[in-house]
N, C-alpha and C. Protein backbone atom coordinates (compact mmCIF):
# COMPACT_ATOMS: atom_id res chain seq x y z
N MET A 1 119.80 118.52 80.83
CA MET A 1 119.13 117.67 81.79
C MET A 1 118.14 118.51 82.57
N ALA A 2 116.89 118.06 82.60
CA ALA A 2 115.83 118.81 83.26
C ALA A 2 115.95 118.70 84.78
N THR A 3 115.79 119.83 85.42
CA THR A 3 115.78 119.84 86.89
C THR A 3 114.48 120.47 87.35
N ARG A 4 114.12 120.15 88.58
CA ARG A 4 112.91 120.70 89.17
C ARG A 4 113.19 121.09 90.61
N GLU A 5 112.37 121.99 91.09
CA GLU A 5 112.39 122.40 92.48
C GLU A 5 111.26 121.67 93.21
N LEU A 6 111.55 121.19 94.38
CA LEU A 6 110.54 120.57 95.21
C LEU A 6 110.41 121.37 96.49
N GLU A 7 109.18 121.74 96.80
CA GLU A 7 108.89 122.41 98.06
C GLU A 7 107.85 121.57 98.78
N SER A 8 108.12 121.29 100.06
CA SER A 8 107.22 120.44 100.83
C SER A 8 107.40 120.73 102.30
N GLN A 9 106.61 120.05 103.10
CA GLN A 9 106.79 120.07 104.55
C GLN A 9 107.02 118.64 105.00
N VAL A 10 108.06 118.43 105.76
CA VAL A 10 108.39 117.12 106.30
C VAL A 10 108.52 117.26 107.81
N PHE A 11 107.67 116.54 108.53
CA PHE A 11 107.66 116.62 109.99
C PHE A 11 107.55 118.06 110.48
N GLY A 12 106.77 118.86 109.77
CA GLY A 12 106.55 120.24 110.17
C GLY A 12 107.62 121.22 109.72
N TRP A 13 108.64 120.76 109.06
CA TRP A 13 109.72 121.61 108.58
C TRP A 13 109.54 121.88 107.09
N ASP A 14 109.74 123.12 106.69
CA ASP A 14 109.72 123.45 105.27
C ASP A 14 111.01 122.95 104.64
N VAL A 15 110.87 122.22 103.55
CA VAL A 15 112.04 121.73 102.82
C VAL A 15 111.87 122.09 101.35
N GLU A 16 112.99 122.40 100.73
CA GLU A 16 112.99 122.61 99.29
C GLU A 16 114.36 122.23 98.76
N PHE A 17 114.34 121.63 97.58
CA PHE A 17 115.60 121.25 96.96
C PHE A 17 115.39 121.10 95.46
N THR A 18 116.49 121.12 94.75
CA THR A 18 116.49 120.92 93.31
C THR A 18 116.96 119.51 93.03
N TYR A 19 116.32 118.87 92.06
CA TYR A 19 116.71 117.51 91.70
C TYR A 19 116.66 117.35 90.19
N SER A 20 117.35 116.35 89.72
CA SER A 20 117.39 116.03 88.30
C SER A 20 116.31 115.00 87.98
N GLU A 21 115.38 115.34 87.12
CA GLU A 21 114.33 114.40 86.72
C GLU A 21 114.94 113.14 86.09
N THR A 22 115.95 113.34 85.28
CA THR A 22 116.57 112.21 84.59
C THR A 22 117.17 111.23 85.58
N TRP A 23 117.97 111.72 86.52
CA TRP A 23 118.65 110.83 87.45
C TRP A 23 117.69 110.21 88.45
N ILE A 24 116.64 110.93 88.82
CA ILE A 24 115.62 110.34 89.68
C ILE A 24 114.96 109.18 88.96
N GLY A 25 114.67 109.36 87.67
CA GLY A 25 114.07 108.28 86.88
C GLY A 25 114.95 107.05 86.83
N TYR A 26 116.23 107.25 86.53
CA TYR A 26 117.17 106.11 86.50
C TYR A 26 117.27 105.44 87.86
N ALA A 27 117.37 106.25 88.91
CA ALA A 27 117.52 105.70 90.26
C ALA A 27 116.29 104.88 90.66
N LEU A 28 115.10 105.41 90.42
CA LEU A 28 113.89 104.68 90.79
C LEU A 28 113.72 103.41 89.98
N PHE A 29 114.04 103.48 88.70
CA PHE A 29 113.95 102.29 87.85
C PHE A 29 114.93 101.22 88.34
N ALA A 30 116.16 101.62 88.62
CA ALA A 30 117.17 100.66 89.09
C ALA A 30 116.78 100.09 90.45
N LEU A 31 116.34 100.93 91.37
CA LEU A 31 115.94 100.44 92.69
C LEU A 31 114.76 99.48 92.60
N ARG A 32 113.81 99.79 91.71
CA ARG A 32 112.67 98.89 91.52
C ARG A 32 113.12 97.53 91.00
N LEU A 33 114.01 97.53 90.01
CA LEU A 33 114.50 96.26 89.47
C LEU A 33 115.30 95.47 90.50
N ILE A 34 116.17 96.16 91.22
CA ILE A 34 117.02 95.48 92.20
C ILE A 34 116.19 94.91 93.35
N MET A 35 115.25 95.70 93.85
CA MET A 35 114.39 95.20 94.93
C MET A 35 113.50 94.08 94.40
N GLY A 36 113.01 94.23 93.18
CA GLY A 36 112.20 93.18 92.57
C GLY A 36 112.97 91.88 92.44
N TRP A 37 114.19 91.97 91.94
CA TRP A 37 115.00 90.75 91.79
C TRP A 37 115.30 90.12 93.14
N THR A 38 115.62 90.93 94.13
CA THR A 38 115.93 90.43 95.47
C THR A 38 114.77 89.61 96.02
N LEU A 39 113.56 90.16 95.91
CA LEU A 39 112.39 89.46 96.44
C LEU A 39 112.01 88.26 95.56
N PHE A 40 112.07 88.44 94.24
CA PHE A 40 111.73 87.35 93.33
C PHE A 40 112.66 86.16 93.57
N TYR A 41 113.95 86.41 93.63
CA TYR A 41 114.91 85.32 93.82
C TYR A 41 114.70 84.62 95.16
N ALA A 42 114.47 85.41 96.21
CA ALA A 42 114.22 84.82 97.54
C ALA A 42 112.98 83.93 97.50
N GLY A 43 111.97 84.35 96.76
CA GLY A 43 110.73 83.57 96.68
C GLY A 43 110.84 82.36 95.78
N ILE A 44 111.40 82.53 94.59
CA ILE A 44 111.41 81.43 93.62
C ILE A 44 112.29 80.27 94.10
N THR A 45 113.36 80.59 94.83
CA THR A 45 114.18 79.51 95.36
C THR A 45 113.41 78.69 96.40
N LYS A 46 112.47 79.31 97.09
CA LYS A 46 111.63 78.59 98.04
C LYS A 46 110.54 77.79 97.31
N VAL A 47 110.00 78.36 96.23
CA VAL A 47 108.96 77.68 95.46
C VAL A 47 109.48 76.38 94.85
N VAL A 48 110.69 76.40 94.31
CA VAL A 48 111.21 75.22 93.60
C VAL A 48 111.82 74.18 94.55
N ASP A 49 111.93 74.50 95.82
CA ASP A 49 112.47 73.56 96.80
C ASP A 49 111.31 72.89 97.53
N PRO A 50 110.98 71.65 97.19
CA PRO A 50 109.83 70.99 97.80
C PRO A 50 109.99 70.75 99.31
N GLU A 51 111.19 70.85 99.82
CA GLU A 51 111.44 70.63 101.24
C GLU A 51 111.33 71.91 102.07
N TRP A 52 111.25 73.08 101.40
CA TRP A 52 111.29 74.34 102.15
C TRP A 52 109.98 74.57 102.90
N SER A 53 110.10 75.06 104.13
CA SER A 53 108.95 75.39 104.96
C SER A 53 109.34 76.51 105.91
N VAL A 54 108.36 77.32 106.28
CA VAL A 54 108.61 78.37 107.27
C VAL A 54 108.91 77.79 108.64
N ARG A 55 108.56 76.53 108.84
CA ARG A 55 108.77 75.90 110.16
C ARG A 55 110.22 75.99 110.61
N GLY A 56 111.15 75.77 109.69
CA GLY A 56 112.56 75.79 110.06
C GLY A 56 112.97 77.09 110.72
N PHE A 57 112.59 78.20 110.12
CA PHE A 57 112.96 79.49 110.69
C PHE A 57 112.13 79.80 111.93
N LEU A 58 110.83 79.61 111.85
CA LEU A 58 109.97 79.99 112.97
C LEU A 58 110.23 79.18 114.23
N LEU A 59 110.63 77.92 114.07
CA LEU A 59 110.87 77.08 115.25
C LEU A 59 112.33 77.07 115.70
N TYR A 60 113.26 77.30 114.77
CA TYR A 60 114.68 77.14 115.12
C TYR A 60 115.55 78.35 114.78
N GLY A 61 115.02 79.33 114.06
CA GLY A 61 115.84 80.45 113.61
C GLY A 61 115.60 81.76 114.33
N ILE A 62 114.64 81.81 115.22
CA ILE A 62 114.35 83.04 115.96
C ILE A 62 115.44 83.25 117.01
N PRO A 63 116.05 84.42 117.04
CA PRO A 63 117.12 84.66 118.01
C PRO A 63 116.64 84.58 119.46
N ASP A 64 117.51 84.13 120.33
CA ASP A 64 117.21 84.13 121.76
C ASP A 64 116.94 85.56 122.20
N GLY A 65 115.95 85.75 123.02
CA GLY A 65 115.61 87.07 123.52
C GLY A 65 114.55 87.78 122.71
N ASN A 66 114.05 87.16 121.65
CA ASN A 66 112.98 87.78 120.87
C ASN A 66 111.72 87.80 121.72
N PRO A 67 111.12 88.99 121.90
CA PRO A 67 109.95 89.07 122.79
C PRO A 67 108.71 88.38 122.23
N LEU A 68 108.72 87.99 120.96
CA LEU A 68 107.55 87.35 120.36
C LEU A 68 107.78 85.87 120.07
N THR A 69 108.71 85.27 120.79
CA THR A 69 109.05 83.86 120.54
C THR A 69 107.82 82.96 120.58
N GLY A 70 106.93 83.18 121.52
CA GLY A 70 105.72 82.36 121.62
C GLY A 70 104.85 82.47 120.37
N LEU A 71 104.73 83.66 119.82
CA LEU A 71 103.95 83.86 118.60
C LEU A 71 104.58 83.12 117.43
N TRP A 72 105.90 83.24 117.27
CA TRP A 72 106.58 82.58 116.15
C TRP A 72 106.48 81.06 116.29
N THR A 73 106.59 80.55 117.52
CA THR A 73 106.48 79.11 117.74
C THR A 73 105.07 78.63 117.37
N ALA A 74 104.05 79.37 117.79
CA ALA A 74 102.67 79.00 117.45
C ALA A 74 102.47 79.05 115.94
N MET A 75 103.02 80.06 115.29
CA MET A 75 102.88 80.16 113.84
C MET A 75 103.58 78.99 113.16
N GLY A 76 104.76 78.62 113.64
CA GLY A 76 105.51 77.52 113.05
C GLY A 76 104.83 76.18 113.25
N ASN A 77 104.19 76.01 114.39
CA ASN A 77 103.52 74.73 114.68
C ASN A 77 102.12 74.64 114.06
N ASP A 78 101.34 75.72 114.19
CA ASP A 78 99.92 75.66 113.82
C ASP A 78 99.59 76.26 112.45
N TRP A 79 100.44 77.13 111.94
CA TRP A 79 100.09 77.86 110.72
C TRP A 79 101.07 77.66 109.57
N ALA A 80 102.01 76.75 109.71
CA ALA A 80 103.00 76.53 108.64
C ALA A 80 102.34 76.09 107.34
N TRP A 81 101.24 75.37 107.42
CA TRP A 81 100.53 74.91 106.22
C TRP A 81 100.07 76.09 105.37
N LEU A 82 99.74 77.21 106.01
CA LEU A 82 99.29 78.41 105.29
C LEU A 82 100.45 79.37 105.02
N LEU A 83 101.31 79.56 106.01
CA LEU A 83 102.38 80.55 105.89
C LEU A 83 103.45 80.15 104.88
N THR A 84 103.68 78.85 104.71
CA THR A 84 104.70 78.42 103.75
C THR A 84 104.35 78.86 102.33
N PRO A 85 103.17 78.51 101.79
CA PRO A 85 102.86 78.97 100.43
C PRO A 85 102.68 80.49 100.34
N LEU A 86 102.15 81.12 101.40
CA LEU A 86 102.02 82.57 101.37
C LEU A 86 103.38 83.25 101.26
N ASN A 87 104.35 82.74 102.00
CA ASN A 87 105.70 83.30 101.95
C ASN A 87 106.33 83.07 100.59
N GLN A 88 106.24 81.85 100.09
CA GLN A 88 106.83 81.51 98.80
C GLN A 88 106.22 82.37 97.68
N LEU A 89 104.90 82.36 97.59
CA LEU A 89 104.23 83.09 96.52
C LEU A 89 104.29 84.59 96.73
N GLY A 90 104.20 85.03 97.98
CA GLY A 90 104.26 86.46 98.27
C GLY A 90 105.57 87.07 97.80
N LEU A 91 106.68 86.48 98.21
CA LEU A 91 107.98 86.99 97.78
C LEU A 91 108.13 86.94 96.26
N THR A 92 107.74 85.82 95.66
CA THR A 92 107.89 85.64 94.22
C THR A 92 107.04 86.64 93.45
N LEU A 93 105.78 86.77 93.81
CA LEU A 93 104.87 87.65 93.07
C LEU A 93 105.17 89.13 93.30
N VAL A 94 105.51 89.50 94.52
CA VAL A 94 105.89 90.90 94.77
C VAL A 94 107.14 91.23 93.96
N GLY A 95 108.10 90.34 93.97
CA GLY A 95 109.32 90.58 93.19
C GLY A 95 109.03 90.69 91.70
N LEU A 96 108.22 89.80 91.17
CA LEU A 96 107.87 89.84 89.75
C LEU A 96 107.11 91.11 89.40
N ALA A 97 106.19 91.50 90.26
CA ALA A 97 105.42 92.73 90.03
C ALA A 97 106.34 93.95 90.00
N LEU A 98 107.32 93.99 90.89
CA LEU A 98 108.25 95.12 90.89
C LEU A 98 109.11 95.12 89.63
N ILE A 99 109.57 93.96 89.22
CA ILE A 99 110.38 93.88 88.00
C ILE A 99 109.59 94.37 86.80
N LEU A 100 108.33 93.97 86.71
CA LEU A 100 107.49 94.36 85.58
C LEU A 100 106.91 95.76 85.73
N GLY A 101 106.98 96.33 86.91
CA GLY A 101 106.35 97.63 87.14
C GLY A 101 104.84 97.50 87.12
N LEU A 102 104.32 96.44 87.73
CA LEU A 102 102.90 96.08 87.68
C LEU A 102 102.30 96.13 89.07
N PHE A 103 101.31 97.00 89.26
CA PHE A 103 100.68 97.18 90.57
C PHE A 103 101.74 97.43 91.64
N VAL A 104 102.61 98.37 91.37
CA VAL A 104 103.77 98.60 92.24
C VAL A 104 103.37 99.06 93.62
N ARG A 105 102.41 99.98 93.73
CA ARG A 105 102.03 100.44 95.08
C ARG A 105 101.46 99.29 95.91
N PHE A 106 100.60 98.50 95.32
CA PHE A 106 100.00 97.35 96.00
C PHE A 106 101.09 96.36 96.39
N SER A 107 101.97 96.06 95.46
CA SER A 107 103.05 95.10 95.72
C SER A 107 104.02 95.63 96.76
N ALA A 108 104.36 96.90 96.66
CA ALA A 108 105.30 97.49 97.62
C ALA A 108 104.72 97.45 99.03
N PHE A 109 103.42 97.69 99.16
CA PHE A 109 102.78 97.62 100.47
C PHE A 109 102.93 96.23 101.07
N TRP A 110 102.61 95.18 100.28
CA TRP A 110 102.69 93.82 100.81
C TRP A 110 104.12 93.37 101.02
N GLY A 111 105.03 93.82 100.16
CA GLY A 111 106.44 93.52 100.37
C GLY A 111 106.94 94.14 101.66
N ALA A 112 106.56 95.39 101.91
CA ALA A 112 106.97 96.06 103.15
C ALA A 112 106.37 95.37 104.36
N THR A 113 105.14 94.90 104.23
CA THR A 113 104.49 94.18 105.33
C THR A 113 105.27 92.90 105.66
N MET A 114 105.67 92.16 104.63
CA MET A 114 106.47 90.95 104.87
C MET A 114 107.79 91.31 105.54
N MET A 115 108.43 92.37 105.08
CA MET A 115 109.72 92.76 105.65
C MET A 115 109.58 93.18 107.11
N LEU A 116 108.46 93.81 107.46
CA LEU A 116 108.23 94.16 108.87
C LEU A 116 108.13 92.90 109.74
N PHE A 117 107.46 91.88 109.24
CA PHE A 117 107.39 90.61 109.98
C PHE A 117 108.78 89.99 110.12
N TYR A 118 109.57 90.01 109.03
CA TYR A 118 110.93 89.46 109.10
C TYR A 118 111.77 90.25 110.10
N TRP A 119 111.59 91.56 110.11
CA TRP A 119 112.33 92.42 111.04
C TRP A 119 111.98 92.05 112.48
N LEU A 120 110.68 91.91 112.75
CA LEU A 120 110.25 91.54 114.10
C LEU A 120 110.80 90.17 114.50
N ALA A 121 110.81 89.23 113.55
CA ALA A 121 111.28 87.88 113.87
C ALA A 121 112.79 87.82 114.04
N SER A 122 113.52 88.77 113.48
CA SER A 122 114.98 88.75 113.52
C SER A 122 115.57 89.44 114.75
N TYR A 123 114.73 90.08 115.56
CA TYR A 123 115.21 90.81 116.74
C TYR A 123 115.49 89.83 117.87
N PRO A 124 116.52 90.01 118.67
CA PRO A 124 117.58 91.02 118.57
C PRO A 124 118.56 90.66 117.46
N PHE A 125 119.09 91.69 116.84
CA PHE A 125 119.92 91.52 115.65
C PHE A 125 121.37 91.23 116.02
N ASP A 126 122.02 90.42 115.20
CA ASP A 126 123.42 90.08 115.43
C ASP A 126 124.34 91.27 115.22
N ASN A 127 124.09 92.04 114.18
CA ASN A 127 125.04 93.09 113.81
C ASN A 127 124.36 94.43 113.60
N ALA A 128 123.31 94.68 114.35
CA ALA A 128 122.62 95.97 114.24
C ALA A 128 121.96 96.27 115.58
N LEU A 129 121.78 97.55 115.86
CA LEU A 129 121.14 97.93 117.11
C LEU A 129 119.62 97.89 116.96
N LEU A 130 119.07 98.58 115.99
CA LEU A 130 117.63 98.63 115.79
C LEU A 130 117.25 98.48 114.33
N ILE A 131 118.08 98.98 113.45
CA ILE A 131 117.79 98.98 112.02
C ILE A 131 118.66 97.93 111.34
N ASP A 132 118.02 96.92 110.77
CA ASP A 132 118.75 95.94 109.97
C ASP A 132 118.26 96.06 108.52
N TYR A 133 118.72 95.17 107.66
CA TYR A 133 118.39 95.30 106.25
C TYR A 133 116.90 95.15 105.95
N HIS A 134 116.16 94.45 106.80
CA HIS A 134 114.72 94.33 106.57
C HIS A 134 114.05 95.71 106.65
N MET A 135 114.49 96.52 107.60
CA MET A 135 113.91 97.86 107.73
C MET A 135 114.33 98.75 106.56
N VAL A 136 115.53 98.56 106.06
CA VAL A 136 115.96 99.29 104.85
C VAL A 136 115.03 98.93 103.70
N TYR A 137 114.71 97.64 103.56
CA TYR A 137 113.79 97.20 102.51
C TYR A 137 112.40 97.82 102.68
N VAL A 138 111.93 97.91 103.93
CA VAL A 138 110.61 98.51 104.19
C VAL A 138 110.57 99.92 103.62
N PHE A 139 111.58 100.71 103.92
CA PHE A 139 111.55 102.11 103.48
C PHE A 139 111.86 102.25 101.99
N LEU A 140 112.65 101.36 101.45
CA LEU A 140 112.88 101.37 100.01
C LEU A 140 111.57 101.07 99.29
N LEU A 141 110.84 100.07 99.74
CA LEU A 141 109.55 99.74 99.15
C LEU A 141 108.55 100.88 99.32
N PHE A 142 108.57 101.50 100.49
CA PHE A 142 107.71 102.67 100.71
C PHE A 142 108.02 103.76 99.70
N GLY A 143 109.29 104.02 99.48
CA GLY A 143 109.70 105.04 98.52
C GLY A 143 109.28 104.70 97.10
N LEU A 144 109.44 103.45 96.70
CA LEU A 144 109.03 103.04 95.35
C LEU A 144 107.54 103.26 95.15
N GLY A 145 106.74 102.92 96.15
CA GLY A 145 105.31 103.15 96.06
C GLY A 145 104.96 104.63 96.08
N ALA A 146 105.61 105.39 96.95
CA ALA A 146 105.33 106.81 97.06
C ALA A 146 105.66 107.57 95.77
N PHE A 147 106.74 107.18 95.13
CA PHE A 147 107.14 107.83 93.88
C PHE A 147 106.37 107.33 92.67
N GLY A 148 105.63 106.25 92.81
CA GLY A 148 104.94 105.69 91.65
C GLY A 148 105.92 105.12 90.65
N ALA A 149 106.90 104.35 91.14
CA ALA A 149 107.99 103.86 90.31
C ALA A 149 107.54 102.88 89.23
N GLY A 150 106.33 102.36 89.32
CA GLY A 150 105.83 101.47 88.28
C GLY A 150 105.52 102.18 86.98
N ARG A 151 105.46 103.49 87.03
CA ARG A 151 105.21 104.29 85.81
C ARG A 151 106.49 104.51 85.01
N ILE A 152 107.62 104.21 85.59
CA ILE A 152 108.90 104.42 84.92
C ILE A 152 109.28 103.12 84.22
N LEU A 153 109.06 103.05 82.93
CA LEU A 153 109.33 101.86 82.12
C LEU A 153 108.66 100.62 82.71
N GLY A 154 107.46 100.80 83.24
CA GLY A 154 106.72 99.70 83.82
C GLY A 154 105.32 99.58 83.24
N LEU A 155 104.68 98.48 83.53
CA LEU A 155 103.34 98.23 83.00
C LEU A 155 102.27 99.12 83.62
N ASP A 156 102.53 99.67 84.80
CA ASP A 156 101.54 100.55 85.42
C ASP A 156 101.22 101.75 84.54
N ALA A 157 102.20 102.26 83.82
CA ALA A 157 101.96 103.40 82.91
C ALA A 157 100.95 103.01 81.83
N ARG A 158 101.06 101.81 81.32
CA ARG A 158 100.12 101.33 80.28
C ARG A 158 98.73 101.08 80.86
N ILE A 159 98.70 100.47 82.04
CA ILE A 159 97.42 100.15 82.67
C ILE A 159 96.64 101.42 82.97
N GLU A 160 97.33 102.47 83.39
CA GLU A 160 96.64 103.72 83.72
C GLU A 160 95.98 104.36 82.51
N GLU A 161 96.37 103.95 81.32
CA GLU A 161 95.75 104.47 80.09
C GLU A 161 94.46 103.73 79.73
N LEU A 162 94.16 102.63 80.39
CA LEU A 162 92.97 101.84 80.08
C LEU A 162 91.69 102.55 80.51
N ASP A 163 90.61 102.28 79.78
CA ASP A 163 89.32 102.89 80.08
C ASP A 163 88.82 102.56 81.48
N VAL A 164 89.08 101.33 81.94
CA VAL A 164 88.59 100.93 83.25
C VAL A 164 89.20 101.81 84.35
N VAL A 165 90.43 102.25 84.18
CA VAL A 165 91.06 103.13 85.18
C VAL A 165 90.45 104.53 85.09
N GLU A 166 90.07 104.94 83.90
CA GLU A 166 89.37 106.22 83.75
C GLU A 166 88.01 106.17 84.45
N GLN A 167 87.32 105.03 84.32
CA GLN A 167 86.00 104.87 84.94
C GLN A 167 86.09 104.73 86.45
N TYR A 168 87.15 104.08 86.91
CA TYR A 168 87.35 103.83 88.33
C TYR A 168 88.71 104.36 88.77
N PRO A 169 88.83 105.67 88.94
CA PRO A 169 90.13 106.26 89.25
C PRO A 169 90.74 105.79 90.57
N GLN A 170 89.93 105.20 91.44
CA GLN A 170 90.48 104.69 92.70
C GLN A 170 91.45 103.53 92.45
N LEU A 171 91.40 102.93 91.27
CA LEU A 171 92.35 101.88 90.92
C LEU A 171 93.79 102.39 90.91
N ARG A 172 93.96 103.69 90.73
CA ARG A 172 95.30 104.29 90.72
C ARG A 172 96.02 104.12 92.05
N LEU A 173 95.26 103.86 93.12
CA LEU A 173 95.88 103.61 94.43
C LEU A 173 96.75 102.38 94.40
N PHE A 174 96.45 101.42 93.52
CA PHE A 174 97.22 100.19 93.41
C PHE A 174 98.35 100.28 92.39
N LEU A 175 98.25 101.26 91.51
CA LEU A 175 99.21 101.42 90.41
C LEU A 175 100.26 102.44 90.77
N GLY A 176 101.31 102.46 89.99
CA GLY A 176 102.29 103.53 90.15
C GLY A 176 103.61 103.11 90.59
């Protein structure tokens, strides 16, 4: 089993450690699939339910004491027509992209953005002080994008071989 040494600086501290390339690959692939399924399932169940709307949560699901209650109420009243399909399609497409390993960095960014909004809307938390599962998802998605997890048995590896990516290497910012 191949191992590698990593040397870096994190928050100004020198860090180095040895890791297994094989197990990192399995872990990233599994995390990408699990996070992809979690988001895809959450989205597709909303897409197929003609009665689902963000209004229910934004108007009635925000915990008492949330400092942004006025914002959520305005969004639920004035922007539900836009936020409902964005939420449904956003979750579904981000999840599908992660499962396929397609535009993983781009998808992970938007998935993390959605999770940050959910985190803000869920405060104060019933069973957490500051970090709830939405924040765990944010950092998991950040890690998948940072590692370029779409290249591990994903379509991003194939896309990066295309001539258009050679001509426009900035496209790699969305892949990986």
